[in-house]
Amino acid sequence: MIYLSAEVVSGLGEDTFWTWFKREFPSSSFGTPKHLNDEDIVLRYSTLGFLPIQGKQVALCWELYPDMKELFRTDQWDSTLERVYQTARYSTYRTVATDYTKKYYQKFGSVETIPIGVNTDLFRPIKNKKALRKKYGIPLFQKIGIWMGTVHPMKGYANLLQYSEDNPDIHWIIIWKTPREAGHMPGANNFTQVSQKVLAELFNCADFYLVSGLLRPFFMVEWEAMACNLPMVILNKKSKEFVPSSNPRDDILRMGWDRKSVKKTWEQFLLERGIKW
């Protein structure tokens, strides 16, 4: 049995790693077991802290709190970091989504990189940009940039505003993750808490995605934009884990970030550890 121990399975109703994994590995189960047999394993989101039972556990170390701690030099996230490190320290296995974050967890043992996975069937290039722009009230003949995030400093909203000021000819599509985390960019088409289907269509309205964040790993929304083959404008290329090519969707497939590749990686991971599904 594979137990899926998530912090949030799907907060906005989106098809997350958790809902996708449950669908692809249908014998898996949500919840926290009281004990584990030899053929069982738990996929544990690292912020939950270590589950104090014997058996195989995988710490999913995807959160960027170590990066944030390093960049902002604050103790704001120390209590969460302690749970993350506890999960990494005492779990049987550790996985990260990008090679860059391995350095934070190698002191606890071996670390494997398994991408989270992008739905490349949903996030893909869509023809007829003009029709999509009409649908969402976006200027038809203006250069369009797109950005999604929150007002949190790590997302680089201030950098977006500066770039917009320096490039007044660009019209913006701004997508705020939730009402609680939303701001408002004057003059832009502002959207809040859109569905994944709408997000994919808005990506295809744009001419480029602006990468303004302060952390080195790409955010999931940036991987999704790349899957739509949207050109990526990176404000600080030296700060990112890699520079996307002129065909970023090809990069997604080459790097194994599509869900088909991720499923194969998880199948191999589980087989090597004697887990059936």
C-alpha atoms as a PDB file:
ATOM      1  CA  MET A   1       0.000   0.000   0.000  1.00  0.00           C
ATOM      2  CA  ILE A   2       1.164   3.529  -0.810  1.00  0.00           C
ATOM      3  CA  TYR A   3      -0.085   6.103   1.701  1.00  0.00           C
ATOM      4  CA  LEU A   4      -0.327   9.719   0.560  1.00  0.00           C
ATOM      5  CA  SER A   5       0.266  12.085   3.450  1.00  0.00           C
ATOM      6  CA  ALA A   6      -0.450  15.576   2.091  1.00  0.00           C
ATOM      7  CA  GLU A   7      -0.638  18.953   3.793  1.00  0.00           C
ATOM      8  CA  VAL A   8      -3.292  20.077   1.270  1.00  0.00           C
ATOM      9  CA  VAL A   9      -4.571  17.650  -1.372  1.00  0.00           C
ATOM     10  CA  SER A  10      -6.115  20.331  -3.616  1.00  0.00           C
ATOM     11  CA  GLY A  11      -6.762  23.692  -2.018  1.00  0.00           C
ATOM     12  CA  LEU A  12      -8.361  25.334  -5.067  1.00  0.00           C
ATOM     13  CA  GLY A  13      -9.821  22.240  -6.687  1.00  0.00           C
ATOM     14  CA  GLU A  14      -6.896  21.951  -9.087  1.00  0.00           C
ATOM     15  CA  ASP A  15      -5.405  18.690 -10.306  1.00  0.00           C
ATOM     16  CA  THR A  16      -2.341  18.535  -8.061  1.00  0.00           C
ATOM     17  CA  PHE A  17       0.458  16.005  -7.720  1.00  0.00           C
ATOM     18  CA  TRP A  18      -1.651  14.282  -5.065  1.00  0.00           C
ATOM     19  CA  THR A  19      -4.818  13.907  -7.133  1.00  0.00           C
ATOM     20  CA  TRP A  20      -2.758  12.885 -10.160  1.00  0.00           C
ATOM     21  CA  PHE A  21      -0.755  10.291  -8.179  1.00  0.00           C
ATOM     22  CA  LYS A  22      -3.911   8.786  -6.699  1.00  0.00           C
ATOM     23  CA  ARG A  23      -5.357   8.467 -10.183  1.00  0.00           C
ATOM     24  CA  GLU A  24      -2.216   6.923 -11.703  1.00  0.00           C
ATOM     25  CA  PHE A  25      -1.575   4.609  -8.751  1.00  0.00           C
ATOM     26  CA  PRO A  26      -5.191   3.727  -7.841  1.00  0.00           C
ATOM     27  CA  SER A  27      -4.282   1.362  -5.000  1.00  0.00           C
ATOM     28  CA  SER A  28      -2.716   4.279  -3.115  1.00  0.00           C
ATOM     29  CA  SER A  29      -4.696   5.852  -0.288  1.00  0.00           C
ATOM     30  CA  PHE A  30      -4.919   9.271   1.347  1.00  0.00           C
ATOM     31  CA  GLY A  31      -4.383   9.346   5.076  1.00  0.00           C
ATOM     32  CA  THR A  32      -1.946   8.624   7.873  1.00  0.00           C
ATOM     33  CA  PRO A  33      -1.457   4.937   8.749  1.00  0.00           C
ATOM     34  CA  LYS A  34      -1.054   3.717  12.327  1.00  0.00           C
ATOM     35  CA  HIS A  35       1.459   1.076  11.268  1.00  0.00           C
ATOM     36  CA  LEU A  36       3.283  -0.051   8.120  1.00  0.00           C
ATOM     37  CA  ASN A  37       3.918  -3.498   6.718  1.00  0.00           C
ATOM     38  CA  ASP A  38       7.107  -4.326   4.789  1.00  0.00           C
ATOM     39  CA  GLU A  39       5.341  -3.788   1.468  1.00  0.00           C
ATOM     40  CA  ASP A  40       3.920  -0.376   2.512  1.00  0.00           C
ATOM     41  CA  ILE A  41       5.344   3.101   2.080  1.00  0.00           C
ATOM     42  CA  VAL A  42       4.292   6.658   2.997  1.00  0.00           C
ATOM     43  CA  LEU A  43       4.818   9.674   0.750  1.00  0.00           C
ATOM     44  CA  ARG A  44       5.018  12.402   3.388  1.00  0.00           C
ATOM     45  CA  TYR A  45       4.905  16.138   2.663  1.00  0.00           C
ATOM     46  CA  SER A  46       7.867  17.492   4.569  1.00  0.00           C
ATOM     47  CA  THR A  47       6.108  20.366   6.361  1.00  0.00           C
ATOM     48  CA  LEU A  48       3.982  17.850   8.289  1.00  0.00           C
ATOM     49  CA  GLY A  49       6.954  16.621  10.316  1.00  0.00           C
ATOM     50  CA  PHE A  50       8.093  13.033  10.706  1.00  0.00           C
ATOM     51  CA  LEU A  51       5.465  10.353  11.245  1.00  0.00           C
ATOM     52  CA  PRO A  52       6.662   8.400  14.332  1.00  0.00           C
ATOM     53  CA  ILE A  53       5.952   4.850  13.187  1.00  0.00           C
ATOM     54  CA  GLN A  54       8.277   2.148  11.888  1.00  0.00           C
ATOM     55  CA  GLY A  55       8.410   1.501   8.154  1.00  0.00           C
ATOM     56  CA  LYS A  56       9.352   3.070   4.846  1.00  0.00           C
ATOM     57  CA  GLN A  57       8.693   6.765   4.488  1.00  0.00           C
ATOM     58  CA  VAL A  58       9.583   9.215   1.729  1.00  0.00           C
ATOM     59  CA  ALA A  59      10.068  12.868   2.672  1.00  0.00           C
ATOM     60  CA  LEU A  60       8.814  15.064  -0.184  1.00  0.00           C
ATOM     61  CA  CYS A  61      11.037  18.117   0.342  1.00  0.00           C
ATOM     62  CA  TRP A  62       9.465  20.521  -2.125  1.00  0.00           C
ATOM     63  CA  GLU A  63       8.965  23.677  -0.059  1.00  0.00           C
ATOM     64  CA  LEU A  64      11.403  26.545  -0.579  1.00  0.00           C
ATOM     65  CA  TYR A  65      11.746  27.585   3.056  1.00  0.00           C
ATOM     66  CA  PRO A  66      15.497  26.765   3.135  1.00  0.00           C
ATOM     67  CA  ASP A  67      16.009  29.060   0.127  1.00  0.00           C
ATOM     68  CA  MET A  68      13.907  31.773   1.740  1.00  0.00           C
ATOM     69  CA  LYS A  69      15.826  31.484   5.005  1.00  0.00           C
ATOM     70  CA  GLU A  70      19.112  31.792   3.139  1.00  0.00           C
ATOM     71  CA  LEU A  71      17.977  34.772   1.077  1.00  0.00           C
ATOM     72  CA  PHE A  72      16.042  36.834   3.613  1.00  0.00           C
ATOM     73  CA  ARG A  73      18.084  35.897   6.722  1.00  0.00           C
ATOM     74  CA  THR A  74      15.113  35.809   9.073  1.00  0.00           C
ATOM     75  CA  ASP A  75      13.812  33.374  11.676  1.00  0.00           C
ATOM     76  CA  GLN A  76      10.237  33.833  10.409  1.00  0.00           C
ATOM     77  CA  TRP A  77       9.975  30.282   9.070  1.00  0.00           C
ATOM     78  CA  ASP A  78      12.120  28.473  11.648  1.00  0.00           C
ATOM     79  CA  SER A  79       9.295  26.468  13.191  1.00  0.00           C
ATOM     80  CA  THR A  80       8.226  25.182   9.772  1.00  0.00           C
ATOM     81  CA  LEU A  81      11.842  24.528   8.820  1.00  0.00           C
ATOM     82  CA  GLU A  82      12.279  22.429  11.922  1.00  0.00           C
ATOM     83  CA  ARG A  83       9.400  20.173  10.824  1.00  0.00           C
ATOM     84  CA  VAL A  84      10.812  19.980   7.297  1.00  0.00           C
ATOM     85  CA  TYR A  85      14.262  18.986   8.544  1.00  0.00           C
ATOM     86  CA  GLN A  86      12.760  16.537  11.033  1.00  0.00           C
ATOM     87  CA  THR A  87      10.909  14.805   8.212  1.00  0.00           C
ATOM     88  CA  ALA A  88      14.062  14.697   6.096  1.00  0.00           C
ATOM     89  CA  ARG A  89      16.226  13.479   8.985  1.00  0.00           C
ATOM     90  CA  TYR A  90      14.088  10.564  10.113  1.00  0.00           C
ATOM     91  CA  SER A  91      12.467   9.429   6.858  1.00  0.00           C
ATOM     92  CA  THR A  92      13.850   6.397   5.044  1.00  0.00           C
ATOM     93  CA  TYR A  93      14.162   8.309   1.769  1.00  0.00           C
ATOM     94  CA  ARG A  94      14.256  11.939   0.658  1.00  0.00           C
ATOM     95  CA  THR A  95      13.199  13.449  -2.675  1.00  0.00           C
ATOM     96  CA  VAL A  96      13.419  16.987  -4.045  1.00  0.00           C
ATOM     97  CA  ALA A  97      11.932  18.495  -7.196  1.00  0.00           C
ATOM     98  CA  THR A  98      15.159  20.068  -8.460  1.00  0.00           C
ATOM     99  CA  ASP A  99      18.855  19.242  -8.158  1.00  0.00           C
ATOM    100  CA  TYR A 100      19.468  22.725  -6.802  1.00  0.00           C
ATOM    101  CA  THR A 101      17.728  22.015  -3.473  1.00  0.00           C
ATOM    102  CA  LYS A 102      19.568  18.750  -2.806  1.00  0.00           C
ATOM    103  CA  LYS A 103      22.222  20.657  -0.873  1.00  0.00           C
ATOM    104  CA  TYR A 104      19.792  21.421   1.953  1.00  0.00           C
ATOM    105  CA  TYR A 105      19.041  17.765   2.692  1.00  0.00           C
ATOM    106  CA  GLN A 106      22.160  15.730   1.885  1.00  0.00           C
ATOM    107  CA  LYS A 107      23.312  15.972   5.504  1.00  0.00           C
ATOM    108  CA  PHE A 108      20.370  13.689   6.359  1.00  0.00           C
ATOM    109  CA  GLY A 109      21.258  10.979   3.836  1.00  0.00           C
ATOM    110  CA  SER A 110      20.885  10.271   0.135  1.00  0.00           C
ATOM    111  CA  VAL A 111      18.543  12.531  -1.821  1.00  0.00           C
ATOM    112  CA  GLU A 112      16.868  11.764  -5.145  1.00  0.00           C
ATOM    113  CA  THR A 113      15.448  14.276  -7.599  1.00  0.00           C
ATOM    114  CA  ILE A 114      11.934  13.484  -8.838  1.00  0.00           C
ATOM    115  CA  PRO A 115      10.139  16.395 -10.559  1.00  0.00           C
ATOM    116  CA  ILE A 116       6.632  17.222  -9.390  1.00  0.00           C
ATOM    117  CA  GLY A 117       5.318  16.917 -12.939  1.00  0.00           C
ATOM    118  CA  VAL A 118       3.440  19.257 -15.277  1.00  0.00           C
ATOM    119  CA  ASN A 119       0.173  18.367 -16.975  1.00  0.00           C
ATOM    120  CA  THR A 120       1.452  18.880 -20.523  1.00  0.00           C
ATOM    121  CA  ASP A 121      -1.910  17.782 -21.944  1.00  0.00           C
ATOM    122  CA  LEU A 122      -3.608  20.758 -20.312  1.00  0.00           C
ATOM    123  CA  PHE A 123      -0.716  23.200 -20.403  1.00  0.00           C
ATOM    124  CA  ARG A 124       0.136  23.258 -24.090  1.00  0.00           C
ATOM    125  CA  PRO A 125       0.237  25.728 -26.988  1.00  0.00           C
ATOM    126  CA  ILE A 126      -3.232  26.720 -28.210  1.00  0.00           C
ATOM    127  CA  LYS A 127      -3.731  28.195 -31.668  1.00  0.00           C
ATOM    128  CA  ASN A 128      -5.704  31.371 -32.392  1.00  0.00           C
ATOM    129  CA  LYS A 129      -4.265  33.839 -29.900  1.00  0.00           C
ATOM    130  CA  LYS A 130      -6.570  36.559 -31.251  1.00  0.00           C
ATOM    131  CA  ALA A 131      -9.731  34.636 -30.332  1.00  0.00           C
ATOM    132  CA  LEU A 132      -8.415  33.958 -26.831  1.00  0.00           C
ATOM    133  CA  ARG A 133      -7.595  37.634 -26.311  1.00  0.00           C
ATOM    134  CA  LYS A 134     -11.112  38.581 -27.366  1.00  0.00           C
ATOM    135  CA  LYS A 135     -12.528  36.041 -24.920  1.00  0.00           C
ATOM    136  CA  TYR A 136     -10.723  37.622 -21.958  1.00  0.00           C
ATOM    137  CA  GLY A 137     -10.845  41.277 -23.032  1.00  0.00           C
ATOM    138  CA  ILE A 138      -7.111  41.538 -23.701  1.00  0.00           C
ATOM    139  CA  PRO A 139      -5.794  44.052 -26.276  1.00  0.00           C
ATOM    140  CA  LEU A 140      -5.502  42.358 -29.674  1.00  0.00           C
ATOM    141  CA  PHE A 141      -2.524  44.163 -31.172  1.00  0.00           C
ATOM    142  CA  GLN A 142      -0.379  45.050 -28.172  1.00  0.00           C
ATOM    143  CA  LYS A 143       2.589  43.147 -26.777  1.00  0.00           C
ATOM    144  CA  ILE A 144       1.294  41.136 -23.810  1.00  0.00           C
ATOM    145  CA  GLY A 145       3.290  40.011 -20.794  1.00  0.00           C
ATOM    146  CA  ILE A 146       1.926  37.673 -18.150  1.00  0.00           C
ATOM    147  CA  TRP A 147       2.840  37.116 -14.501  1.00  0.00           C
ATOM    148  CA  MET A 148       1.317  35.074 -11.701  1.00  0.00           C
ATOM    149  CA  GLY A 149       2.064  35.249  -8.000  1.00  0.00           C
ATOM    150  CA  THR A 150       1.395  37.044  -4.738  1.00  0.00           C
ATOM    151  CA  VAL A 151       2.693  40.147  -3.027  1.00  0.00           C
ATOM    152  CA  HIS A 152       5.167  38.004  -1.055  1.00  0.00           C
ATOM    153  CA  PRO A 153       8.714  39.392  -1.599  1.00  0.00           C
ATOM    154  CA  MET A 154      10.030  36.072  -2.941  1.00  0.00           C
ATOM    155  CA  LYS A 155       7.648  36.330  -5.921  1.00  0.00           C
ATOM    156  CA  GLY A 156       9.295  39.558  -7.083  1.00  0.00           C
ATOM    157  CA  TYR A 157       6.197  41.712  -7.518  1.00  0.00           C
ATOM    158  CA  ALA A 158       8.316  44.840  -7.026  1.00  0.00           C
ATOM    159  CA  ASN A 159      10.551  43.682  -9.890  1.00  0.00           C
ATOM    160  CA  LEU A 160       7.485  43.238 -12.084  1.00  0.00           C
ATOM    161  CA  LEU A 161       6.366  46.795 -11.341  1.00  0.00           C
ATOM    162  CA  GLN A 162       9.815  48.157 -12.200  1.00  0.00           C
ATOM    163  CA  TYR A 163       9.949  46.184 -15.443  1.00  0.00           C
ATOM    164  CA  SER A 164       6.482  47.448 -16.341  1.00  0.00           C
ATOM    165  CA  GLU A 165       7.562  51.034 -15.681  1.00  0.00           C
ATOM    166  CA  ASP A 166      10.652  50.563 -17.861  1.00  0.00           C
ATOM    167  CA  ASN A 167       8.578  49.019 -20.679  1.00  0.00           C
ATOM    168  CA  PRO A 168       5.363  51.093 -20.900  1.00  0.00           C
ATOM    169  CA  ASP A 169       4.436  49.620 -24.295  1.00  0.00           C
ATOM    170  CA  ILE A 170       3.661  46.227 -22.724  1.00  0.00           C
ATOM    171  CA  HIS A 171       0.156  45.366 -21.517  1.00  0.00           C
ATOM    172  CA  TRP A 172      -0.046  42.928 -18.611  1.00  0.00           C
ATOM    173  CA  ILE A 173      -2.101  39.936 -17.590  1.00  0.00           C
ATOM    174  CA  ILE A 174      -1.718  39.557 -13.823  1.00  0.00           C
ATOM    175  CA  ILE A 175      -3.015  36.473 -12.038  1.00  0.00           C
ATOM    176  CA  TRP A 176      -3.268  36.432  -8.252  1.00  0.00           C
ATOM    177  CA  LYS A 177      -3.303  33.010  -6.628  1.00  0.00           C
ATOM    178  CA  THR A 178      -6.027  33.672  -4.030  1.00  0.00           C
ATOM    179  CA  PRO A 179      -8.032  36.701  -2.834  1.00  0.00           C
ATOM    180  CA  ARG A 180      -6.133  36.623   0.469  1.00  0.00           C
ATOM    181  CA  GLU A 181      -2.792  36.933  -1.342  1.00  0.00           C
ATOM    182  CA  ALA A 182      -3.938  39.288  -4.080  1.00  0.00           C
ATOM    183  CA  GLY A 183      -2.764  42.753  -4.918  1.00  0.00           C
ATOM    184  CA  HIS A 184      -3.828  44.910  -7.869  1.00  0.00           C
ATOM    185  CA  MET A 185      -1.730  46.170 -10.761  1.00  0.00           C
ATOM    186  CA  PRO A 186      -3.238  49.351 -12.230  1.00  0.00           C
ATOM    187  CA  GLY A 187      -3.907  49.257 -15.974  1.00  0.00           C
ATOM    188  CA  ALA A 188      -3.494  45.482 -16.246  1.00  0.00           C
ATOM    189  CA  ASN A 189      -6.009  42.713 -16.737  1.00  0.00           C
ATOM    190  CA  ASN A 190      -6.081  41.394 -13.160  1.00  0.00           C
ATOM    191  CA  PHE A 191      -7.458  37.914 -12.446  1.00  0.00           C
ATOM    192  CA  THR A 192      -7.761  36.100  -9.127  1.00  0.00           C
ATOM    193  CA  GLN A 193      -7.955  32.376  -8.339  1.00  0.00           C
ATOM    194  CA  VAL A 194      -8.540  31.131 -11.882  1.00  0.00           C
ATOM    195  CA  SER A 195      -8.984  27.481 -12.814  1.00  0.00           C
ATOM    196  CA  GLN A 196      -6.155  25.564 -14.455  1.00  0.00           C
ATOM    197  CA  LYS A 197      -8.062  25.567 -17.754  1.00  0.00           C
ATOM    198  CA  VAL A 198      -8.391  29.357 -17.660  1.00  0.00           C
ATOM    199  CA  LEU A 199      -4.741  29.695 -16.642  1.00  0.00           C
ATOM    200  CA  ALA A 200      -3.650  27.672 -19.689  1.00  0.00           C
ATOM    201  CA  GLU A 201      -5.765  29.897 -21.955  1.00  0.00           C
ATOM    202  CA  LEU A 202      -4.391  33.087 -20.390  1.00  0.00           C
ATOM    203  CA  PHE A 203      -0.845  31.834 -20.960  1.00  0.00           C
ATOM    204  CA  ASN A 204      -1.752  31.442 -24.615  1.00  0.00           C
ATOM    205  CA  CYS A 205      -2.990  35.041 -24.758  1.00  0.00           C
ATOM    206  CA  ALA A 206       0.479  36.316 -23.866  1.00  0.00           C
ATOM    207  CA  ASP A 207       3.698  36.896 -25.795  1.00  0.00           C
ATOM    208  CA  PHE A 208       5.978  36.093 -22.865  1.00  0.00           C
ATOM    209  CA  TYR A 209       6.085  35.181 -19.180  1.00  0.00           C
ATOM    210  CA  LEU A 210       8.052  37.420 -16.814  1.00  0.00           C
ATOM    211  CA  VAL A 211      10.217  35.545 -14.301  1.00  0.00           C
ATOM    212  CA  SER A 212      10.799  38.058 -11.518  1.00  0.00           C
ATOM    213  CA  GLY A 213      11.129  35.830  -8.433  1.00  0.00           C
ATOM    214  CA  LEU A 214      14.061  36.013  -6.041  1.00  0.00           C
ATOM    215  CA  LEU A 215      14.558  32.271  -5.495  1.00  0.00           C
ATOM    216  CA  ARG A 216      16.602  30.037  -7.754  1.00  0.00           C
ATOM    217  CA  PRO A 217      14.128  27.196  -8.443  1.00  0.00           C
ATOM    218  CA  PHE A 218      11.307  27.917 -10.853  1.00  0.00           C
ATOM    219  CA  PHE A 219       7.815  28.058  -9.365  1.00  0.00           C
ATOM    220  CA  MET A 220       5.258  25.522 -10.585  1.00  0.00           C
ATOM    221  CA  VAL A 221       3.363  28.196 -12.520  1.00  0.00           C
ATOM    222  CA  GLU A 222       6.554  28.943 -14.462  1.00  0.00           C
ATOM    223  CA  TRP A 223       6.924  25.274 -15.420  1.00  0.00           C
ATOM    224  CA  GLU A 224       3.301  25.380 -16.580  1.00  0.00           C
ATOM    225  CA  ALA A 225       3.990  28.480 -18.677  1.00  0.00           C
ATOM    226  CA  MET A 226       6.978  26.721 -20.238  1.00  0.00           C
ATOM    227  CA  ALA A 227       4.755  23.737 -21.064  1.00  0.00           C
ATOM    228  CA  CYS A 228       2.623  26.177 -23.099  1.00  0.00           C
ATOM    229  CA  ASN A 229       5.852  27.010 -24.985  1.00  0.00           C
ATOM    230  CA  LEU A 230       5.599  30.583 -23.754  1.00  0.00           C
ATOM    231  CA  PRO A 231       8.882  32.506 -24.087  1.00  0.00           C
ATOM    232  CA  MET A 232      10.390  33.206 -20.664  1.00  0.00           C
ATOM    233  CA  VAL A 233      11.860  36.623 -19.885  1.00  0.00           C
ATOM    234  CA  ILE A 234      14.104  36.191 -16.825  1.00  0.00           C
ATOM    235  CA  LEU A 235      15.160  39.339 -15.015  1.00  0.00           C
ATOM    236  CA  ASN A 236      18.160  37.710 -13.354  1.00  0.00           C
ATOM    237  CA  LYS A 237      19.353  34.715 -15.380  1.00  0.00           C
ATOM    238  CA  LYS A 238      22.250  34.028 -13.016  1.00  0.00           C
ATOM    239  CA  SER A 239      19.808  33.400 -10.190  1.00  0.00           C
ATOM    240  CA  LYS A 240      17.857  30.605 -11.946  1.00  0.00           C
ATOM    241  CA  GLU A 241      18.572  26.894 -12.099  1.00  0.00           C
ATOM    242  CA  PHE A 242      18.710  26.976 -15.908  1.00  0.00           C
ATOM    243  CA  VAL A 243      17.875  29.294 -18.793  1.00  0.00           C
ATOM    244  CA  PRO A 244      14.986  28.007 -20.924  1.00  0.00           C
ATOM    245  CA  SER A 245      15.562  27.691 -24.650  1.00  0.00           C
ATOM    246  CA  SER A 246      13.493  29.369 -27.357  1.00  0.00           C
ATOM    247  CA  ASN A 247      11.230  26.278 -27.168  1.00  0.00           C
ATOM    248  CA  PRO A 248      10.690  25.800 -23.429  1.00  0.00           C
ATOM    249  CA  ARG A 249       8.144  23.019 -23.926  1.00  0.00           C
ATOM    250  CA  ASP A 250      10.973  20.948 -25.388  1.00  0.00           C
ATOM    251  CA  ASP A 251      12.957  21.678 -22.211  1.00  0.00           C
ATOM    252  CA  ILE A 252      10.079  20.315 -20.104  1.00  0.00           C
ATOM    253  CA  LEU A 253      10.082  17.032 -22.028  1.00  0.00           C
ATOM    254  CA  ARG A 254      13.879  16.770 -22.157  1.00  0.00           C
ATOM    255  CA  MET A 255      14.185  17.296 -18.398  1.00  0.00           C
ATOM    256  CA  GLY A 256      11.424  14.813 -17.568  1.00  0.00           C
ATOM    257  CA  TRP A 257       9.038  17.330 -16.006  1.00  0.00           C
ATOM    258  CA  ASP A 258       6.019  15.989 -17.916  1.00  0.00           C
ATOM    259  CA  ARG A 259       3.717  13.675 -15.974  1.00  0.00           C
ATOM    260  CA  LYS A 260       4.323  10.677 -18.244  1.00  0.00           C
ATOM    261  CA  SER A 261       8.044  10.794 -17.436  1.00  0.00           C
ATOM    262  CA  VAL A 262       7.411  11.459 -13.748  1.00  0.00           C
ATOM    263  CA  LYS A 263       5.151   8.418 -13.514  1.00  0.00           C
ATOM    264  CA  LYS A 264       7.906   6.212 -14.932  1.00  0.00           C
ATOM    265  CA  THR A 265      10.372   7.651 -12.424  1.00  0.00           C
ATOM    266  CA  TRP A 266       8.030   6.903  -9.515  1.00  0.00           C
ATOM    267  CA  GLU A 267       7.368   3.400 -10.823  1.00  0.00           C
ATOM    268  CA  GLN A 268      11.105   2.687 -10.873  1.00  0.00           C
ATOM    269  CA  PHE A 269      11.590   4.276  -7.445  1.00  0.00           C
ATOM    270  CA  LEU A 270       8.862   2.125  -5.901  1.00  0.00           C
ATOM    271  CA  LEU A 271       9.927  -1.101  -7.623  1.00  0.00           C
ATOM    272  CA  GLU A 272      13.493  -0.712  -6.366  1.00  0.00           C
ATOM    273  CA  ARG A 273      12.098  -0.533  -2.829  1.00  0.00           C
ATOM    274  CA  GLY A 274       9.840  -3.543  -3.111  1.00  0.00           C
ATOM    275  CA  ILE A 275       6.598  -1.581  -3.316  1.00  0.00           C
ATOM    276  CA  LYS A 276       3.754  -2.804  -5.519  1.00  0.00           C
ATOM    277  CA  TRP A 277       0.669  -0.861  -6.508  1.00  0.00           C
END
